[in-house]
C-alpha atoms as a PDB file:
ATOM      1  CA  MET A   1      -6.781  -2.999   3.420  1.00  0.00           C
ATOM      2  CA  HIS A   2      -5.080  -0.196   4.199  1.00  0.00           C
ATOM      3  CA  MET A   3      -1.059  -0.791   4.994  1.00  0.00           C
ATOM      4  CA  HIS A   4      -1.098   0.588   8.591  1.00  0.00           C
ATOM      5  CA  MET A   5      -3.314  -2.110   9.431  1.00  0.00           C
ATOM      6  CA  LEU A   6      -1.283  -4.957   7.532  1.00  0.00           C
ATOM      7  CA  VAL A   7       2.468  -3.588   9.136  1.00  0.00           C
ATOM      8  CA  GLY A   8       0.471  -3.977  12.386  1.00  0.00           C
ATOM      9  CA  ILE A   9      -1.153  -7.751  12.546  1.00  0.00           C
ATOM     10  CA  VAL A  10       2.160  -8.492  10.609  1.00  0.00           C
ATOM     11  CA  LEU A  11       4.073  -7.372  14.127  1.00  0.00           C
ATOM     12  CA  HIS A  12       1.510  -7.900  16.618  1.00  0.00           C
ATOM     13  CA  THR A  13       1.410 -11.666  14.834  1.00  0.00           C
ATOM     14  CA  THR A  14       5.120 -11.735  15.182  1.00  0.00           C
ATOM     15  CA  LEU A  15       5.310 -11.330  18.713  1.00  0.00           C
ATOM     16  CA  LEU A  16       2.364 -12.846  19.601  1.00  0.00           C
ATOM     17  CA  ALA A  17       4.497 -16.369  17.596  1.00  0.00           C
ATOM     18  CA  ILE A  18       7.574 -15.005  19.784  1.00  0.00           C
ATOM     19  CA  VAL A  19       6.085 -15.695  23.152  1.00  0.00           C
ATOM     20  CA  GLY A  20       4.572 -18.348  22.070  1.00  0.00           C
ATOM     21  CA  TYR A  21       7.760 -20.122  20.924  1.00  0.00           C
ATOM     22  CA  ALA A  22       8.971 -19.056  24.063  1.00  0.00           C
ATOM     23  CA  LEU A  23       6.309 -20.310  26.487  1.00  0.00           C
ATOM     24  CA  LEU A  24       6.773 -24.260  24.455  1.00  0.00           C
ATOM     25  CA  PHE A  25       9.984 -24.052  24.726  1.00  0.00           C
ATOM     26  CA  SER A  26      10.048 -23.297  28.430  1.00  0.00           C
ATOM     27  CA  ALA A  27       7.528 -25.802  28.990  1.00  0.00           C
ATOM     28  CA  SER A  28       9.491 -28.221  27.338  1.00  0.00           C
ATOM     29  CA  LYS A  29      12.197 -27.726  29.780  1.00  0.00           C
ATOM     30  CA  ALA A  30       9.436 -27.870  32.966  1.00  0.00           C
ATOM     31  CA  SER A  31       8.047 -30.685  34.396  1.00  0.00           C
ATOM     32  CA  GLY A  32       4.700 -31.549  35.563  1.00  0.00           C
ATOM     33  CA  VAL A  33       2.093 -28.759  36.416  1.00  0.00           C
ATOM     34  CA  VAL A  34       4.733 -25.652  35.204  1.00  0.00           C
ATOM     35  CA  ALA A  35       4.783 -28.305  31.703  1.00  0.00           C
ATOM     36  CA  LEU A  36       1.404 -28.270  31.552  1.00  0.00           C
ATOM     37  CA  ILE A  37       0.672 -24.669  31.959  1.00  0.00           C
ATOM     38  CA  GLY A  38       3.326 -23.600  29.850  1.00  0.00           C
ATOM     39  CA  ARG A  39       1.981 -25.747  27.172  1.00  0.00           C
ATOM     40  CA  VAL A  40      -1.766 -24.244  27.436  1.00  0.00           C
ATOM     41  CA  LEU A  41      -0.278 -20.473  27.628  1.00  0.00           C
ATOM     42  CA  GLY A  42       1.842 -21.235  24.215  1.00  0.00           C
ATOM     43  CA  LEU A  43      -1.343 -22.971  22.706  1.00  0.00           C
ATOM     44  CA  TRP A  44      -3.166 -20.030  23.827  1.00  0.00           C
ATOM     45  CA  VAL A  45      -0.633 -17.380  22.527  1.00  0.00           C
ATOM     46  CA  PHE A  46      -0.529 -19.368  18.928  1.00  0.00           C
ATOM     47  CA  LEU A  47      -4.551 -19.171  18.706  1.00  0.00           C
ATOM     48  CA  LEU A  48      -4.794 -15.564  19.479  1.00  0.00           C
ATOM     49  CA  ALA A  49      -2.146 -14.674  16.734  1.00  0.00           C
ATOM     50  CA  ILE A  50      -4.052 -16.653  14.691  1.00  0.00           C
ATOM     51  CA  LEU A  51      -7.382 -15.394  15.404  1.00  0.00           C
ATOM     52  CA  SER A  52      -6.204 -11.772  14.700  1.00  0.00           C
ATOM     53  CA  VAL A  53      -5.052 -12.600  11.209  1.00  0.00           C
ATOM     54  CA  ALA A  54      -8.193 -14.038  10.676  1.00  0.00           C
ATOM     55  CA  ALA A  55     -10.296 -10.836  11.973  1.00  0.00           C
ATOM     56  CA  VAL A  56      -7.954  -8.778   9.773  1.00  0.00           C
ATOM     57  CA  VAL A  57      -8.836 -10.687   6.788  1.00  0.00           C
ATOM     58  CA  THR A  58     -12.076 -11.222   7.398  1.00  0.00           C
ATOM     59  CA  ALA A  59     -12.846  -7.674   8.110  1.00  0.00           C
ATOM     60  CA  PRO A  60     -13.895  -6.873   3.906  1.00  0.00           C
ATOM     61  CA  MET A  61     -16.749  -8.914   5.027  1.00  0.00           C
ATOM     62  CA  PHE A  62     -18.116  -7.230   8.054  1.00  0.00           C
ATOM     63  CA  GLY A  63     -18.166  -3.747   6.313  1.00  0.00           C
ATOM     64  CA  GLY A  64     -14.324  -3.032   7.800  1.00  0.00           C
ATOM     65  CA  LYS A  65     -14.793  -4.534  11.550  1.00  0.00           C
ATOM     66  CA  PRO A  66     -13.070  -7.784  12.272  1.00  0.00           C
ATOM     67  CA  PHE A  67     -15.769 -10.264  13.292  1.00  0.00           C
ATOM     68  CA  GLY A  68     -18.098  -7.313  12.704  1.00  0.00           C
ATOM     69  CA  LEU A  69     -16.989  -5.560  15.971  1.00  0.00           C
ATOM     70  CA  ASP A  70     -16.827  -1.161  15.774  1.00  0.00           C
ATOM     71  CA  MET A  71     -13.283  -1.264  17.521  1.00  0.00           C
ATOM     72  CA  HIS A  72     -13.140   2.069  17.163  1.00  0.00           C
ATOM     73  CA  ASP A  73     -16.350   2.846  19.539  1.00  0.00           C
ATOM     74  CA  HIS A  74     -15.872   5.824  21.620  1.00  0.00           C
ATOM     75  CA  GLY A  75     -19.235   5.855  22.920  1.00  0.00           C
ATOM     76  CA  GLY A  76     -18.406   3.191  25.793  1.00  0.00           C
ATOM     77  CA  TRP A  77     -17.887   3.803  29.137  1.00  0.00           C
ATOM     78  CA  MET A  78     -14.503   5.317  29.215  1.00  0.00           C
ATOM     79  CA  HIS A  79     -15.367   7.880  27.517  1.00  0.00           C
ATOM     80  CA  ARG A  80     -18.482   9.159  29.405  1.00  0.00           C
ATOM     81  CA  GLY A  81     -17.037  12.441  30.522  1.00  0.00           C
ATOM     82  CA  ASP A  82     -16.866  13.228  26.407  1.00  0.00           C
ATOM     83  CA  ARG A  83     -20.310  13.276  25.883  1.00  0.00           C
ATOM     84  CA  ASP A  84     -23.006  16.033  26.295  1.00  0.00           C
ATOM     85  CA  GLU A  85     -25.423  13.440  27.968  1.00  0.00           C
ATOM     86  CA  GLY A  86     -25.965  10.957  30.850  1.00  0.00           C
ATOM     87  CA  PRO A  87     -26.056  11.316  34.805  1.00  0.00           C
ATOM     88  CA  ASP A  88     -22.776  12.188  35.305  1.00  0.00           C
ATOM     89  CA  GLN A  89     -23.022  15.913  33.629  1.00  0.00           C
ATOM     90  CA  ARG A  90     -23.711  18.691  35.742  1.00  0.00           C
ATOM     91  CA  VAL A  91     -26.005  21.248  34.283  1.00  0.00           C
ATOM     92  CA  THR A  92     -26.529  24.123  36.335  1.00  0.00           C
ATOM     93  CA  PRO A  93     -30.441  25.358  35.280  1.00  0.00           C
ATOM     94  CA  SER A  94     -30.263  28.585  33.660  1.00  0.00           C
ATOM     95  CA  ALA A  95     -32.538  31.648  35.641  1.00  0.00           C
ATOM     96  CA  PRO A  96     -36.024  31.932  35.073  1.00  0.00           C
ATOM     97  CA  PRO A  97     -36.991  34.225  31.577  1.00  0.00           C
ATOM     98  CA  ALA A  98     -37.604  37.656  33.433  1.00  0.00           C
ATOM     99  CA  GLN A  99     -40.980  39.245  33.795  1.00  0.00           C
ATOM    100  CA  PRO A 100     -41.528  42.069  32.565  1.00  0.00           C
ATOM    101  CA  ALA A 101     -41.961  45.364  34.803  1.00  0.00           C
ATOM    102  CA  PRO A 102     -46.472  45.913  35.634  1.00  0.00           C
ATOM    103  CA  PRO A 103     -47.603  49.720  33.994  1.00  0.00           C
ATOM    104  CA  ALA A 104     -47.432  52.564  36.415  1.00  0.00           C
ATOM    105  CA  LYS A 105     -50.816  53.876  37.169  1.00  0.00           C
ATOM    106  CA  PRO A 106     -51.598  57.678  36.975  1.00  0.00           C
END
């Protein structure tokens, strides 16, 4: 596992845990529907934190890709202008080949 990936997942998970804790804390002070929404969002954020750790831990089982997904695929719709193919590329037609001049008659 690369060191930058490990540092990234630790920071990412820490941030998600802090946000989840803040949501659950504020939901405990609220009442009614607001408390329910706060609890659901807090649990959702904690679930995302757990899944992000699981993605990094299981990445070696999937060829280095979290859950087998290629996270660095730059051929998607956002990078369509970078490719040399596709309908949105403007291609100017080349000039037809030059015809040889007919031989001069004496």
